[in-house]
């Protein structure tokens, strides 16, 4: 079996799998979306792939 380095690109099934500690960002984004005035556009931007 091949061993992979890094993180899998699959949804978490348990909070204990939050290896990148993203819960605080997810919680903030959910709160913003629930409370913001609409219409609202949200863009998530970041690096993609290897450099």
N, C-alpha and C. Protein backbone atom coordinates (compact mmCIF):
# COMPACT_ATOMS: atom_id res chain seq x y z
N UNK A 1 0.85 -1.18 0.00
CA UNK A 1 0.00 0.00 0.00
C UNK A 1 0.89 1.24 0.00
N UNK A 2 0.53 2.22 -0.82
CA UNK A 2 1.29 3.44 -0.94
C UNK A 2 0.97 4.39 0.22
N UNK A 3 2.00 4.96 0.84
CA UNK A 3 1.79 5.90 1.94
C UNK A 3 1.87 7.33 1.39
N UNK A 4 0.86 8.14 1.69
CA UNK A 4 0.80 9.51 1.20
C UNK A 4 1.18 10.49 2.30
N UNK A 5 1.86 11.54 1.93
CA UNK A 5 2.19 12.62 2.85
C UNK A 5 1.19 13.74 2.65
N UNK A 6 0.94 14.51 3.68
CA UNK A 6 0.01 15.63 3.55
C UNK A 6 -1.36 15.28 4.08
N UNK A 7 -2.35 16.02 3.61
CA UNK A 7 -3.71 15.86 4.09
C UNK A 7 -4.61 15.38 2.95
N UNK A 8 -5.54 14.49 3.25
CA UNK A 8 -6.48 14.04 2.21
C UNK A 8 -7.49 15.15 1.89
N UNK A 9 -7.94 15.20 0.68
CA UNK A 9 -8.92 16.19 0.25
C UNK A 9 -10.32 15.58 0.32
N UNK A 10 -10.73 15.22 1.54
CA UNK A 10 -12.05 14.64 1.76
C UNK A 10 -12.67 15.33 2.98
N UNK A 11 -13.99 15.38 3.05
CA UNK A 11 -14.64 16.01 4.21
C UNK A 11 -14.32 15.26 5.50
N UNK A 12 -14.29 16.02 6.60
CA UNK A 12 -14.08 15.40 7.91
C UNK A 12 -15.37 14.70 8.33
N UNK A 13 -15.23 13.57 8.99
CA UNK A 13 -16.41 12.90 9.52
C UNK A 13 -16.53 13.09 11.03
N UNK A 14 -15.42 13.51 11.66
CA UNK A 14 -15.41 13.74 13.11
C UNK A 14 -14.60 15.01 13.39
N UNK A 15 -14.99 15.72 14.45
CA UNK A 15 -14.26 16.92 14.82
C UNK A 15 -12.80 16.62 15.15
N UNK A 16 -12.51 15.43 15.62
CA UNK A 16 -11.14 15.05 15.96
C UNK A 16 -10.24 14.97 14.72
N UNK A 17 -10.83 14.98 13.52
CA UNK A 17 -10.05 14.94 12.28
C UNK A 17 -9.69 16.33 11.78
N UNK A 18 -9.97 17.37 12.55
CA UNK A 18 -9.66 18.75 12.17
C UNK A 18 -8.17 19.02 12.42
N UNK A 19 -7.33 18.42 11.62
CA UNK A 19 -5.88 18.49 11.81
C UNK A 19 -5.33 19.89 11.56
N UNK A 20 -6.02 20.71 10.80
CA UNK A 20 -5.55 22.07 10.50
C UNK A 20 -6.20 23.11 11.39
N UNK A 21 -6.96 22.67 12.38
CA UNK A 21 -7.61 23.56 13.34
C UNK A 21 -8.46 24.63 12.64
N UNK A 22 -9.34 24.19 11.75
CA UNK A 22 -10.17 25.12 10.97
C UNK A 22 -11.50 25.44 11.62
N UNK A 23 -11.83 24.79 12.73
CA UNK A 23 -13.14 24.98 13.35
C UNK A 23 -13.42 26.45 13.65
N UNK A 24 -12.43 27.20 14.15
CA UNK A 24 -12.65 28.60 14.48
C UNK A 24 -13.01 29.42 13.24
N UNK A 25 -12.44 29.09 12.09
CA UNK A 25 -12.75 29.81 10.85
C UNK A 25 -14.13 29.41 10.32
N UNK A 26 -14.44 28.13 10.40
CA UNK A 26 -15.74 27.65 9.96
C UNK A 26 -16.85 28.26 10.81
N UNK A 27 -16.64 28.27 12.11
CA UNK A 27 -17.63 28.85 13.03
C UNK A 27 -17.85 30.33 12.72
N UNK A 28 -16.78 31.07 12.49
CA UNK A 28 -16.89 32.49 12.16
C UNK A 28 -17.60 32.72 10.84
N UNK A 29 -17.30 31.92 9.84
CA UNK A 29 -17.95 32.07 8.54
C UNK A 29 -19.43 31.73 8.62
N UNK A 30 -19.77 30.67 9.33
CA UNK A 30 -21.18 30.29 9.49
C UNK A 30 -21.94 31.40 10.20
N UNK A 31 -21.35 31.94 11.24
CA UNK A 31 -22.01 33.03 11.99
C UNK A 31 -22.22 34.25 11.09
N UNK A 32 -21.22 34.60 10.31
CA UNK A 32 -21.33 35.73 9.40
C UNK A 32 -22.45 35.52 8.38
N UNK A 33 -22.49 34.35 7.77
CA UNK A 33 -23.51 34.05 6.75
C UNK A 33 -24.90 34.09 7.36
N UNK A 34 -25.05 33.57 8.56
CA UNK A 34 -26.37 33.56 9.21
C UNK A 34 -26.85 34.95 9.60
N UNK A 35 -25.92 35.87 9.90
CA UNK A 35 -26.30 37.17 10.43
C UNK A 35 -26.17 38.33 9.44
N UNK A 36 -25.54 38.13 8.28
CA UNK A 36 -25.31 39.24 7.36
C UNK A 36 -26.59 39.64 6.63
N UNK A 37 -26.58 40.89 6.17
CA UNK A 37 -27.68 41.36 5.33
C UNK A 37 -27.50 40.77 3.94
N UNK A 38 -28.58 40.41 3.32
CA UNK A 38 -28.49 39.84 1.98
C UNK A 38 -28.94 40.87 0.96
N UNK A 39 -28.55 40.80 -0.28
CA UNK A 39 -27.69 39.77 -0.88
C UNK A 39 -26.23 39.97 -0.49
N UNK A 40 -25.49 38.88 -0.49
CA UNK A 40 -24.09 38.90 -0.10
C UNK A 40 -23.34 37.90 -0.96
N UNK A 41 -22.17 38.30 -1.42
CA UNK A 41 -21.28 37.38 -2.15
C UNK A 41 -20.06 37.11 -1.29
N UNK A 42 -19.65 35.86 -1.25
CA UNK A 42 -18.48 35.47 -0.47
C UNK A 42 -17.52 34.73 -1.39
N UNK A 43 -16.25 35.11 -1.35
CA UNK A 43 -15.22 34.42 -2.13
C UNK A 43 -14.19 33.85 -1.17
N UNK A 44 -13.86 32.59 -1.34
CA UNK A 44 -12.79 31.96 -0.57
C UNK A 44 -11.60 31.83 -1.50
N UNK A 45 -10.50 32.44 -1.13
CA UNK A 45 -9.32 32.45 -2.00
C UNK A 45 -8.12 31.91 -1.25
N UNK A 46 -7.23 31.28 -1.97
CA UNK A 46 -6.01 30.77 -1.36
C UNK A 46 -5.16 30.06 -2.39
N UNK A 47 -3.96 29.71 -1.98
CA UNK A 47 -3.06 28.97 -2.87
C UNK A 47 -3.63 27.61 -3.17
N UNK A 48 -3.30 27.10 -4.33
CA UNK A 48 -3.77 25.80 -4.76
C UNK A 48 -2.62 25.04 -5.40
N UNK A 49 -2.43 23.83 -5.00
CA UNK A 49 -1.41 23.00 -5.64
C UNK A 49 -0.02 23.23 -5.06
N UNK A 50 0.96 22.70 -5.76
CA UNK A 50 2.35 22.80 -5.32
C UNK A 50 3.03 24.00 -5.94
N UNK A 51 4.01 24.51 -5.24
CA UNK A 51 4.81 25.64 -5.78
C UNK A 51 6.14 25.14 -6.26
